[in-house]
C-alpha cells in the first residue's frame, strides 16, 4: 500500500461503507533545512530598512514610568 502511495495513488479508508479518511502523499513536502548558500543568496537580495536604526533608538529611549497605570 505504501508503495502505491509513493506512486501517487490515493486510498480511501471506510467504516461501514462510509469514507472516513484518505491515505495519500502529503500535499507539500517541507525541507528539514535550507542550504547555507541559499540563505546567503536570499539575504544578499534583501534591502535594509533605512529607518530601522532611528526607530530602534526612539523605542529604546526612556522608560514607561511616565505612563499612567492601566485601569
C-alpha atoms as a PDB file:
ATOM      1  CA  UNK A   1       0.000   0.000   0.000  1.00  0.00           C
ATOM      2  CA  UNK A   2       2.782   2.467   0.855  1.00  0.00           C
ATOM      3  CA  UNK A   3       4.444   1.774  -2.479  1.00  0.00           C
ATOM      4  CA  UNK A   4       1.164   2.790  -4.124  1.00  0.00           C
ATOM      5  CA  UNK A   5       1.060   5.998  -2.082  1.00  0.00           C
ATOM      6  CA  UNK A   6       4.631   6.757  -3.157  1.00  0.00           C
ATOM      7  CA  UNK A   7       3.467   6.393  -6.772  1.00  0.00           C
ATOM      8  CA  UNK A   8       0.669   8.889  -6.125  1.00  0.00           C
ATOM      9  CA  UNK A   9      -2.225   6.511  -5.532  1.00  0.00           C
ATOM     10  CA  UNK A  10      -4.913   7.530  -3.039  1.00  0.00           C
ATOM     11  CA  UNK A  11      -6.595   5.007  -0.735  1.00  0.00           C
ATOM     12  CA  UNK A  12      -9.943   5.718   0.886  1.00  0.00           C
ATOM     13  CA  UNK A  13     -10.471   4.249   4.359  1.00  0.00           C
ATOM     14  CA  UNK A  14     -14.097   3.410   5.082  1.00  0.00           C
ATOM     15  CA  UNK A  15     -16.120   2.492   8.144  1.00  0.00           C
ATOM     16  CA  UNK A  16     -19.334   0.606   7.380  1.00  0.00           C
ATOM     17  CA  UNK A  17     -19.100   1.760   3.803  1.00  0.00           C
ATOM     18  CA  UNK A  18     -18.650   5.437   4.639  1.00  0.00           C
ATOM     19  CA  UNK A  19     -15.368   7.196   3.776  1.00  0.00           C
ATOM     20  CA  UNK A  20     -13.617   8.371   6.958  1.00  0.00           C
ATOM     21  CA  UNK A  21     -10.069   9.059   5.790  1.00  0.00           C
ATOM     22  CA  UNK A  22      -7.713   9.110   2.838  1.00  0.00           C
ATOM     23  CA  UNK A  23      -4.169   7.824   2.642  1.00  0.00           C
ATOM     24  CA  UNK A  24      -2.158   9.910   0.188  1.00  0.00           C
ATOM     25  CA  UNK A  25       1.145  11.677  -0.293  1.00  0.00           C
ATOM     26  CA  UNK A  26       1.499  14.933   1.609  1.00  0.00           C
ATOM     27  CA  UNK A  27       0.400  17.945  -0.392  1.00  0.00           C
ATOM     28  CA  UNK A  28       3.735  19.635   0.146  1.00  0.00           C
ATOM     29  CA  UNK A  29       6.966  18.233   1.465  1.00  0.00           C
ATOM     30  CA  UNK A  30       8.780  20.546   3.817  1.00  0.00           C
ATOM     31  CA  UNK A  31      12.556  20.671   3.873  1.00  0.00           C
ATOM     32  CA  UNK A  32      14.367  19.952   7.123  1.00  0.00           C
ATOM     33  CA  UNK A  33      16.907  22.663   6.442  1.00  0.00           C
ATOM     34  CA  UNK A  34      17.898  25.279   3.899  1.00  0.00           C
ATOM     35  CA  UNK A  35      21.371  25.135   2.379  1.00  0.00           C
ATOM     36  CA  UNK A  36      23.702  27.896   3.582  1.00  0.00           C
ATOM     37  CA  UNK A  37      24.268  29.159   0.046  1.00  0.00           C
ATOM     38  CA  UNK A  38      20.522  29.583  -0.475  1.00  0.00           C
ATOM     39  CA  UNK A  39      20.163  31.588   2.761  1.00  0.00           C
ATOM     40  CA  UNK A  40      23.106  33.811   1.855  1.00  0.00           C
ATOM     41  CA  UNK A  41      21.685  34.399  -1.629  1.00  0.00           C
ATOM     42  CA  UNK A  42      18.315  35.356  -0.132  1.00  0.00           C
ATOM     43  CA  UNK A  43      19.906  37.725   2.367  1.00  0.00           C
ATOM     44  CA  UNK A  44      22.044  39.355  -0.310  1.00  0.00           C
ATOM     45  CA  UNK A  45      18.892  40.318  -2.242  1.00  0.00           C
ATOM     46  CA  UNK A  46      17.217  41.955   0.773  1.00  0.00           C
ATOM     47  CA  UNK A  47      17.382  45.702   1.288  1.00  0.00           C
ATOM     48  CA  UNK A  48      17.791  47.084   4.773  1.00  0.00           C
ATOM     49  CA  UNK A  49      15.154  49.359   6.243  1.00  0.00           C
ATOM     50  CA  UNK A  50      16.679  52.850   6.154  1.00  0.00           C
ATOM     51  CA  UNK A  51      14.625  53.972   9.173  1.00  0.00           C
ATOM     52  CA  UNK A  52      15.269  50.943  11.375  1.00  0.00           C
ATOM     53  CA  UNK A  53      18.157  52.491  13.342  1.00  0.00           C
ATOM     54  CA  UNK A  54      16.143  55.638  14.088  1.00  0.00           C
ATOM     55  CA  UNK A  55      13.094  53.591  15.069  1.00  0.00           C
ATOM     56  CA  UNK A  56      15.134  51.408  17.424  1.00  0.00           C
ATOM     57  CA  UNK A  57      16.720  54.463  19.031  1.00  0.00           C
ATOM     58  CA  UNK A  58      13.276  56.029  19.525  1.00  0.00           C
ATOM     59  CA  UNK A  59      11.872  52.809  21.022  1.00  0.00           C
ATOM     60  CA  UNK A  60      14.749  52.412  23.461  1.00  0.00           C
ATOM     61  CA  UNK A  61      14.615  55.989  24.779  1.00  0.00           C
ATOM     62  CA  UNK A  62      13.381  56.459  28.317  1.00  0.00           C
ATOM     63  CA  UNK A  63      11.062  54.036  30.002  1.00  0.00           C
ATOM     64  CA  UNK A  64       7.419  53.587  30.874  1.00  0.00           C
ATOM     65  CA  UNK A  65       7.465  55.363  34.234  1.00  0.00           C
ATOM     66  CA  UNK A  66       5.714  58.420  32.770  1.00  0.00           C
ATOM     67  CA  UNK A  67       2.732  56.384  31.555  1.00  0.00           C
ATOM     68  CA  UNK A  68      -0.475  56.244  33.563  1.00  0.00           C
ATOM     69  CA  UNK A  69      -1.453  52.979  35.218  1.00  0.00           C
ATOM     70  CA  UNK A  70      -3.787  50.776  33.259  1.00  0.00           C
ATOM     71  CA  UNK A  71      -7.029  50.539  34.734  1.00  0.00           C
END
